[in-house]
Each structure stands twice: as structure tokens, then as C-alpha cells.
Amino acid sequence: MIKTMKNRVAIITGASSGIGKTTAIHFAQAGIKVGLIDIKEEDANAVKKEIEKIKVK
């Protein structure tokens, strides 16, 4: 299913930790653009920086 999601956008809530963080990273690796939402802005920014390092094929 992930292959069919390439060039899509996903909004991830709770993106700074746990399932939300893992989902955001996994989706980004699959070429899905992700929007990160979390009450902990600093932690969400750390996830953003981690995602920005991912080289999408």
C-alpha cells in the first residue's frame, strides 16, 4: 500500500514521539510528504530535522 501513496501528503498528529514519530519517518521514507503536528513544538522540530535528512528514492 505504501507504494501507492508516493507523491501524497499525510498530516501526522502526535508526531514528536512514539507511533506518530515512527509513522512520520516511515511515510517520509516512502516519499510521502508529511505535515507534523504536536503540542511539543521543539520535539516536533527535532523530528522535522530528522525527516529532512532522509533521501527519498
C-alpha atoms as a PDB file:
ATOM      1  CA  MET A   1       0.000   0.000   0.000  1.00  0.00           C
ATOM      2  CA  ILE A   2       2.845   2.426   0.748  1.00  0.00           C
ATOM      3  CA  LYS A   3       3.985   2.357  -2.903  1.00  0.00           C
ATOM      4  CA  THR A   4       0.608   3.737  -3.983  1.00  0.00           C
ATOM      5  CA  MET A   5       0.987   6.628  -1.538  1.00  0.00           C
ATOM      6  CA  LYS A   6       4.051   8.186  -3.208  1.00  0.00           C
ATOM      7  CA  ASN A   7       3.576  11.890  -4.011  1.00  0.00           C
ATOM      8  CA  ARG A   8       0.796  12.139  -1.426  1.00  0.00           C
ATOM      9  CA  VAL A   9       0.531  14.244   1.722  1.00  0.00           C
ATOM     10  CA  ALA A  10      -0.172  12.962   5.249  1.00  0.00           C
ATOM     11  CA  ILE A  11      -0.873  15.012   8.355  1.00  0.00           C
ATOM     12  CA  ILE A  12       0.536  13.272  11.433  1.00  0.00           C
ATOM     13  CA  THR A  13      -0.743  14.256  14.880  1.00  0.00           C
ATOM     14  CA  GLY A  14       1.364  13.389  17.903  1.00  0.00           C
ATOM     15  CA  ALA A  15       4.356  13.455  15.577  1.00  0.00           C
ATOM     16  CA  SER A  16       7.078  14.137  18.137  1.00  0.00           C
ATOM     17  CA  SER A  17       7.188  10.674  19.700  1.00  0.00           C
ATOM     18  CA  GLY A  18       6.002   7.095  19.654  1.00  0.00           C
ATOM     19  CA  ILE A  19       3.712   5.862  16.901  1.00  0.00           C
ATOM     20  CA  GLY A  20       3.311   9.345  15.411  1.00  0.00           C
ATOM     21  CA  LYS A  21       7.061   9.831  15.048  1.00  0.00           C
ATOM     22  CA  THR A  22       7.581   6.351  13.624  1.00  0.00           C
ATOM     23  CA  THR A  23       4.719   6.822  11.168  1.00  0.00           C
ATOM     24  CA  ALA A  24       6.021  10.214  10.029  1.00  0.00           C
ATOM     25  CA  ILE A  25       9.511   8.836   9.404  1.00  0.00           C
ATOM     26  CA  HIS A  26       8.202   5.723   7.655  1.00  0.00           C
ATOM     27  CA  PHE A  27       5.924   7.773   5.400  1.00  0.00           C
ATOM     28  CA  ALA A  28       8.732  10.210   4.574  1.00  0.00           C
ATOM     29  CA  GLN A  29      10.990   7.306   3.606  1.00  0.00           C
ATOM     30  CA  ALA A  30       8.231   6.129   1.251  1.00  0.00           C
ATOM     31  CA  GLY A  31       8.150   9.535  -0.474  1.00  0.00           C
ATOM     32  CA  ILE A  32       5.027  10.819   1.252  1.00  0.00           C
ATOM     33  CA  LYS A  33       5.147  14.485   2.231  1.00  0.00           C
ATOM     34  CA  VAL A  34       4.289  14.774   5.917  1.00  0.00           C
ATOM     35  CA  GLY A  35       2.851  17.571   7.996  1.00  0.00           C
ATOM     36  CA  LEU A  36       3.846  17.277  11.649  1.00  0.00           C
ATOM     37  CA  ILE A  37       1.501  18.363  14.422  1.00  0.00           C
ATOM     38  CA  ASP A  38       2.287  18.107  18.121  1.00  0.00           C
ATOM     39  CA  ILE A  39       1.817  20.096  21.287  1.00  0.00           C
ATOM     40  CA  LYS A  40       5.577  19.772  21.920  1.00  0.00           C
ATOM     41  CA  GLU A  41       6.873  22.127  19.226  1.00  0.00           C
ATOM     42  CA  GLU A  42      10.578  21.635  19.998  1.00  0.00           C
ATOM     43  CA  ASP A  43      10.252  17.860  19.770  1.00  0.00           C
ATOM     44  CA  ALA A  44       8.270  18.120  16.522  1.00  0.00           C
ATOM     45  CA  ASN A  45      11.023  20.341  15.091  1.00  0.00           C
ATOM     46  CA  ALA A  46      13.582  17.663  16.007  1.00  0.00           C
ATOM     47  CA  VAL A  47      11.542  15.093  14.061  1.00  0.00           C
ATOM     48  CA  LYS A  48      11.314  17.542  11.161  1.00  0.00           C
ATOM     49  CA  LYS A  49      15.105  17.836  11.062  1.00  0.00           C
ATOM     50  CA  GLU A  50      15.426  14.050  11.149  1.00  0.00           C
ATOM     51  CA  ILE A  51      12.987  13.723   8.239  1.00  0.00           C
ATOM     52  CA  GLU A  52      14.804  16.405   6.239  1.00  0.00           C
ATOM     53  CA  LYS A  53      17.909  14.183   6.266  1.00  0.00           C
ATOM     54  CA  ILE A  54      16.057  11.315   4.563  1.00  0.00           C
ATOM     55  CA  LYS A  55      16.999  10.738   0.938  1.00  0.00           C
ATOM     56  CA  VAL A  56      13.844   9.704  -0.918  1.00  0.00           C
ATOM     57  CA  LYS A  57      14.339   7.393  -3.910  1.00  0.00           C
END
